[in-house]
Amino acid sequence: MTRSPGFDGASGWLNSEPLGPDDLRGRVVLVQFWTFTCINWLRTLPYVRAWAEAYENDGLLVVGVHTPEFWFERDVDNVRRAVDAMRIGYPVALDPDYAIWDAFANRYWPALYFVDAEGVIRDEHFGEGRYEQSERSIQQLLGIDRDLVAVDGVGIESAADWDDLDSPETYLGSARGERRGEADSLRRNHWALSGDWRIQDQGVILNEAGGSIAFRFHARDVHLVLRPGDGPVDFRVTLDGDSPGASHGEDVDEQGNGVLSEPRLYQLIRQPVRIEDHTFEITFLEPGAEAYVFTFG
């Protein structure tokens, strides 16, 4: 049996005073590791949020541990903004130095650890899916048996279209970037920069207005983690050279216009029609835009 190491390594808390051993004693605890730009976490969030609400009176305590992937996710104001935007009401432990992450020997976003009332980890799950089994694990630890909660993720929290998803997560920075090509001859799952860009370890930064990023993809959704730099940046998205129309994402209108206003994951394309290979391109109308990773759904 593995005992939960608790949250002593937290640098701070949101939605709660610090939770120590006395606060956790006798409680069933669901621990979720997350970071706010992660699409895999976003698609699990409606389930965790629903479980936190449905089983609170039965004794469940959900604790989110925010361990950042990108440097700007260490900023507590950015995490607080995400907590508010995503309607997270349960306690969140801030873990910018990976102290809790290492104590759990965790390696994934998202990750779930199911801790019984004696402080023993009884189950764990990494990534998306397995929702019914996870909820049954919660019920078993609480000693209850009832119908599962109804969950329907909407918008960016919707489940991926796994049958048509054939484009992988793709980083743009020098540390993990791969499959970079040429804008005029992109193959599937390759990307290219046009304009004056500066390549950093974690991402790319636009030096002059008018720079763009293109990606040849096969998926229903296109997401891109972006940061605005010193101020808002207008951008325009095209699909095969045209406005996206009905295929625009939550953060773009039908003409392809959007505004980069805060650091987060932006949904740029969501196609309502049959999925085929397409070329996506985003052009920034002002300098300072930062781009980090493409994800798809």
Protein backbone atom coordinates (compact mmCIF):
# COMPACT_ATOMS: atom_id res chain seq x y z
CA MET A 1 0.00 0.00 0.00
CA THR A 2 1.17 3.51 -0.85
CA ARG A 3 0.23 6.34 1.45
CA SER A 4 -0.64 9.74 0.06
CA PRO A 5 2.22 12.17 0.70
CA GLY A 6 -0.18 15.07 1.19
CA PHE A 7 0.36 18.66 0.13
CA ASP A 8 3.11 20.04 2.35
CA GLY A 9 5.04 21.19 -0.73
CA ALA A 10 2.34 23.63 -1.86
CA SER A 11 3.54 27.22 -2.33
CA GLY A 12 0.00 28.51 -1.81
CA TRP A 13 -3.68 27.66 -2.16
CA LEU A 14 -6.70 28.88 -4.10
CA ASN A 15 -10.30 28.34 -2.91
CA SER A 16 -9.04 27.10 0.46
CA GLU A 17 -6.81 27.63 3.44
CA PRO A 18 -3.79 25.26 3.43
CA LEU A 19 -4.88 21.65 3.91
CA GLY A 20 -2.66 19.69 6.28
CA PRO A 21 -2.86 16.15 7.69
CA ASP A 22 -5.49 17.11 10.27
CA ASP A 23 -7.75 18.52 7.54
CA LEU A 24 -7.47 15.34 5.47
CA ARG A 25 -7.79 12.77 8.26
CA GLY A 26 -10.86 10.59 7.77
CA ARG A 27 -11.66 12.12 4.36
CA VAL A 28 -11.83 10.41 0.99
CA VAL A 29 -9.66 12.59 -1.25
CA LEU A 30 -9.50 12.75 -5.05
CA VAL A 31 -6.22 14.38 -6.11
CA GLN A 32 -6.02 15.76 -9.64
CA PHE A 33 -2.80 17.05 -11.20
CA TRP A 34 -3.44 19.64 -13.89
CA THR A 35 -2.05 22.60 -15.75
CA PHE A 36 -4.36 25.16 -17.29
CA THR A 37 -3.20 25.00 -20.93
CA CYS A 38 -3.60 21.21 -21.19
CA ILE A 39 -6.41 20.12 -23.54
CA ASN A 40 -6.42 16.63 -22.02
CA TRP A 41 -7.11 18.14 -18.62
CA LEU A 42 -9.77 20.48 -20.02
CA ARG A 43 -11.68 17.52 -21.44
CA THR A 44 -11.62 15.72 -18.05
CA LEU A 45 -12.61 18.79 -16.08
CA PRO A 46 -16.42 18.50 -16.46
CA TYR A 47 -16.26 15.07 -14.84
CA VAL A 48 -14.07 16.11 -11.92
CA ARG A 49 -16.17 19.24 -11.39
CA ALA A 50 -19.36 17.15 -11.39
CA TRP A 51 -17.92 14.59 -8.95
CA ALA A 52 -16.79 17.34 -6.58
CA GLU A 53 -20.34 18.70 -6.46
CA ALA A 54 -22.20 15.38 -6.45
CA TYR A 55 -20.23 13.70 -3.66
CA GLU A 56 -19.28 16.64 -1.43
CA ASN A 57 -22.04 15.84 1.07
CA ASP A 58 -20.98 12.18 1.05
CA GLY A 59 -17.52 13.11 2.29
CA LEU A 60 -15.47 13.50 -0.91
CA LEU A 61 -12.79 16.18 -1.00
CA VAL A 62 -11.37 17.02 -4.43
CA VAL A 63 -7.97 18.72 -4.45
CA GLY A 64 -6.53 20.06 -7.68
CA VAL A 65 -2.74 20.30 -7.78
CA HIS A 66 -1.65 22.85 -10.37
CA THR A 67 1.83 21.91 -11.59
CA PRO A 68 2.88 24.13 -14.53
CA GLU A 69 4.19 22.92 -17.87
CA PHE A 70 5.08 26.33 -19.37
CA TRP A 71 6.88 29.14 -17.59
CA PHE A 72 3.90 31.51 -17.58
CA GLU A 73 1.77 28.89 -15.82
CA ARG A 74 3.85 29.52 -12.69
CA ASP A 75 2.21 32.94 -12.32
CA VAL A 76 -0.46 32.66 -9.62
CA ASP A 77 -2.57 35.37 -11.28
CA ASN A 78 -2.75 33.29 -14.45
CA VAL A 79 -3.76 30.22 -12.45
CA ARG A 80 -6.37 32.21 -10.54
CA ARG A 81 -7.82 33.51 -13.82
CA ALA A 82 -8.08 29.93 -15.12
CA VAL A 83 -9.73 28.73 -11.90
CA ASP A 84 -12.37 31.44 -12.23
CA ALA A 85 -12.90 30.91 -15.97
CA MET A 86 -13.23 27.14 -15.60
CA ARG A 87 -15.63 27.40 -12.62
CA ILE A 88 -13.38 25.39 -10.31
CA GLY A 89 -14.77 25.58 -6.79
CA TYR A 90 -12.69 22.92 -5.05
CA PRO A 91 -9.32 23.61 -3.36
CA VAL A 92 -6.29 24.07 -5.59
CA ALA A 93 -2.74 23.56 -4.30
CA LEU A 94 -0.12 25.57 -6.18
CA ASP A 95 2.91 23.46 -7.10
CA PRO A 96 5.24 25.67 -9.19
CA ASP A 97 8.40 23.87 -8.08
CA TYR A 98 7.03 20.32 -8.63
CA ALA A 99 7.32 19.48 -4.92
CA ILE A 100 3.93 17.72 -4.74
CA TRP A 101 4.39 16.26 -8.23
CA ASP A 102 7.66 14.62 -7.13
CA ALA A 103 6.22 13.49 -3.79
CA PHE A 104 3.52 11.56 -5.69
CA ALA A 105 6.12 10.42 -8.29
CA ASN A 106 3.66 11.76 -10.86
CA ARG A 107 4.56 12.12 -14.54
CA TYR A 108 1.34 13.08 -16.31
CA TRP A 109 -1.27 15.79 -16.92
CA PRO A 110 -3.95 15.05 -16.02
CA ALA A 111 -3.55 12.44 -13.30
CA LEU A 112 -6.03 11.21 -10.69
CA TYR A 113 -5.16 9.64 -7.33
CA PHE A 114 -7.96 8.12 -5.23
CA VAL A 115 -7.11 8.27 -1.53
CA ASP A 116 -9.15 6.45 1.12
CA ALA A 117 -10.08 7.73 4.58
CA GLU A 118 -6.92 6.17 6.02
CA GLY A 119 -4.71 8.14 3.65
CA VAL A 120 -3.87 5.21 1.35
CA ILE A 121 -3.87 5.58 -2.45
CA ARG A 122 -6.34 2.93 -3.65
CA ASP A 123 -6.57 3.75 -7.35
CA GLU A 124 -4.98 6.00 -9.96
CA HIS A 125 -5.61 7.00 -13.56
CA PHE A 126 -3.60 8.99 -16.08
CA GLY A 127 -4.97 10.89 -19.07
CA GLU A 128 -8.51 11.03 -20.39
CA GLY A 129 -11.24 8.40 -20.30
CA ARG A 130 -12.19 5.64 -17.84
CA TYR A 131 -14.80 7.96 -16.32
CA GLU A 132 -17.29 5.29 -15.25
CA GLN A 133 -14.64 3.23 -13.49
CA SER A 134 -13.22 6.33 -11.80
CA GLU A 135 -16.61 7.35 -10.45
CA ARG A 136 -17.24 3.82 -9.24
CA SER A 137 -13.91 3.98 -7.40
CA ILE A 138 -15.08 7.16 -5.68
CA GLN A 139 -18.35 5.52 -4.68
CA GLN A 140 -16.57 2.44 -3.37
CA LEU A 141 -14.28 4.53 -1.17
CA LEU A 142 -17.28 6.49 0.13
CA GLY A 143 -19.28 3.31 0.74
CA ILE A 144 -22.19 4.28 -1.48
CA ASP A 145 -23.82 2.84 -4.60
CA ARG A 146 -26.03 4.96 -6.84
CA ASP A 147 -26.48 6.08 -10.42
CA LEU A 148 -23.54 7.85 -12.01
CA VAL A 149 -23.74 11.60 -12.54
CA ALA A 150 -24.69 12.86 -15.99
CA VAL A 151 -21.81 14.77 -17.61
CA ASP A 152 -21.88 16.54 -20.97
CA GLY A 153 -18.79 18.55 -21.77
CA VAL A 154 -19.46 21.53 -24.03
CA GLY A 155 -17.24 23.83 -26.04
CA ILE A 156 -13.57 23.32 -25.39
CA GLU A 157 -14.42 20.70 -22.74
CA SER A 158 -16.12 18.40 -25.29
CA ALA A 159 -14.62 14.97 -25.85
CA ALA A 160 -12.32 14.63 -28.83
CA ASP A 161 -13.50 13.10 -32.10
CA TRP A 162 -11.19 10.12 -31.62
CA ASP A 163 -12.33 8.33 -34.80
CA ASP A 164 -11.07 11.19 -36.99
CA LEU A 165 -8.15 12.39 -34.88
CA ASP A 166 -4.91 11.80 -36.78
CA SER A 167 -2.78 14.79 -35.73
CA PRO A 168 -0.59 14.64 -32.61
CA GLU A 169 0.29 17.22 -30.00
CA THR A 170 3.06 19.32 -31.56
CA TYR A 171 5.44 21.68 -29.74
CA LEU A 172 6.96 24.70 -31.46
CA GLY A 173 9.94 25.57 -29.25
CA SER A 174 13.47 24.33 -29.83
CA ALA A 175 13.44 21.98 -26.84
CA ARG A 176 10.69 19.70 -28.18
CA GLY A 177 9.77 21.04 -31.61
CA GLU A 178 9.47 18.54 -34.45
CA ARG A 179 8.06 18.10 -37.96
CA ARG A 180 8.74 21.66 -39.04
CA GLY A 181 8.41 22.12 -42.79
CA GLU A 182 8.03 24.77 -45.49
CA ALA A 183 4.84 26.82 -45.76
CA ASP A 184 4.34 26.19 -49.49
CA SER A 185 4.73 22.39 -49.32
CA LEU A 186 3.40 21.17 -45.99
CA ARG A 187 2.80 17.47 -45.48
CA ARG A 188 0.25 16.17 -42.98
CA ASN A 189 1.22 17.00 -39.38
CA HIS A 190 3.98 19.40 -40.40
CA TRP A 191 4.02 23.10 -39.58
CA ALA A 192 5.85 26.20 -40.75
CA LEU A 193 6.58 29.77 -39.72
CA SER A 194 6.35 32.81 -42.01
CA GLY A 195 7.69 36.20 -40.98
CA ASP A 196 10.17 37.33 -38.35
CA TRP A 197 10.07 34.91 -35.41
CA ARG A 198 12.39 34.27 -32.47
CA ILE A 199 12.71 30.62 -31.44
CA GLN A 200 12.81 29.97 -27.69
CA ASP A 201 13.14 26.71 -25.76
CA GLN A 202 9.41 26.45 -25.03
CA GLY A 203 7.86 28.40 -27.88
CA VAL A 204 8.17 31.01 -30.62
CA ILE A 205 7.80 34.81 -30.36
CA LEU A 206 6.76 37.11 -33.22
CA ASN A 207 9.08 40.10 -33.70
CA GLU A 208 7.15 41.95 -36.43
CA ALA A 209 3.48 42.20 -37.36
CA GLY A 210 2.18 39.94 -40.11
CA GLY A 211 3.92 36.73 -39.11
CA SER A 212 1.99 33.48 -39.39
CA ILE A 213 2.02 29.81 -38.43
CA ALA A 214 0.62 27.14 -40.75
CA PHE A 215 -0.20 23.50 -39.95
CA ARG A 216 -1.40 20.68 -42.22
CA PHE A 217 -3.73 18.63 -39.99
CA HIS A 218 -6.38 15.91 -39.85
CA ALA A 219 -8.75 16.45 -36.92
CA ARG A 220 -12.06 18.07 -35.99
CA ASP A 221 -10.50 20.68 -33.71
CA VAL A 222 -7.36 22.81 -33.78
CA HIS A 223 -6.08 24.33 -30.53
CA LEU A 224 -3.01 26.45 -29.93
CA VAL A 225 -1.49 27.59 -26.64
CA LEU A 226 -0.79 31.31 -26.98
CA ARG A 227 0.44 34.21 -24.86
CA PRO A 228 0.00 37.89 -25.88
CA GLY A 229 3.25 39.36 -24.59
CA ASP A 230 2.87 43.04 -23.62
CA GLY A 231 -0.69 43.58 -24.82
CA PRO A 232 -3.62 42.18 -26.82
CA VAL A 233 -2.85 40.95 -30.34
CA ASP A 234 -5.44 40.70 -33.12
CA PHE A 235 -5.17 37.64 -35.34
CA ARG A 236 -6.86 36.05 -38.32
CA VAL A 237 -7.36 32.35 -39.04
CA THR A 238 -7.83 30.69 -42.43
CA LEU A 239 -8.68 27.15 -43.46
CA ASP A 240 -7.22 26.18 -46.84
CA GLY A 241 -6.72 29.87 -47.52
CA ASP A 242 -10.34 30.91 -46.84
CA SER A 243 -12.28 32.16 -43.84
CA PRO A 244 -13.30 29.22 -41.62
CA GLY A 245 -17.02 29.97 -41.75
CA ALA A 246 -18.96 27.33 -39.82
CA SER A 247 -15.67 25.60 -38.95
CA HIS A 248 -14.52 28.41 -36.67
CA GLY A 249 -13.58 27.59 -33.08
CA GLU A 250 -14.79 29.20 -29.86
CA ASP A 251 -12.12 31.91 -30.00
CA VAL A 252 -12.66 32.90 -33.66
CA ASP A 253 -15.61 34.30 -35.60
CA GLU A 254 -16.82 33.04 -39.00
CA GLN A 255 -14.49 35.46 -40.78
CA GLY A 256 -11.56 34.04 -38.83
CA ASN A 257 -10.98 37.05 -36.59
CA GLY A 258 -9.87 36.72 -32.98
CA VAL A 259 -7.97 38.47 -30.21
CA LEU A 260 -5.08 37.06 -28.22
CA SER A 261 -5.75 38.66 -24.84
CA GLU A 262 -4.47 36.29 -22.16
CA PRO A 263 -2.21 33.24 -21.84
CA ARG A 264 -4.23 30.05 -22.39
CA LEU A 265 -5.27 27.43 -24.89
CA TYR A 266 -7.30 28.88 -27.78
CA GLN A 267 -9.77 26.82 -29.82
CA LEU A 268 -9.33 28.06 -33.39
CA ILE A 269 -11.07 25.42 -35.53
CA ARG A 270 -14.03 23.11 -34.81
CA GLN A 271 -15.36 21.47 -37.94
CA PRO A 272 -19.03 20.40 -38.15
CA VAL A 273 -18.53 18.47 -41.38
CA ARG A 274 -16.69 15.40 -42.66
CA ILE A 275 -13.05 15.49 -41.54
CA GLU A 276 -10.33 15.58 -44.20
CA ASP A 277 -6.79 16.96 -44.43
CA HIS A 278 -6.74 20.76 -44.28
CA THR A 279 -4.18 23.53 -43.95
CA PHE A 280 -4.71 25.84 -41.01
CA GLU A 281 -2.98 29.23 -40.80
CA ILE A 282 -3.00 31.92 -38.15
CA THR A 283 -1.65 35.40 -38.88
CA PHE A 284 -0.94 37.93 -36.12
CA LEU A 285 -1.58 41.59 -36.91
CA GLU A 286 0.72 42.95 -34.20
CA PRO A 287 4.09 41.79 -32.87
CA GLY A 288 4.58 40.11 -29.51
CA ALA A 289 2.43 37.00 -29.98
CA GLU A 290 3.91 33.86 -28.41
CA ALA A 291 2.94 30.33 -29.50
CA TYR A 292 3.81 27.11 -27.68
CA VAL A 293 1.99 23.93 -28.69
CA PHE A 294 -0.71 22.70 -31.08
CA THR A 295 -3.24 20.16 -29.83
CA PHE A 296 -6.16 18.60 -31.66
CA GLY A 297 -9.52 17.05 -30.92
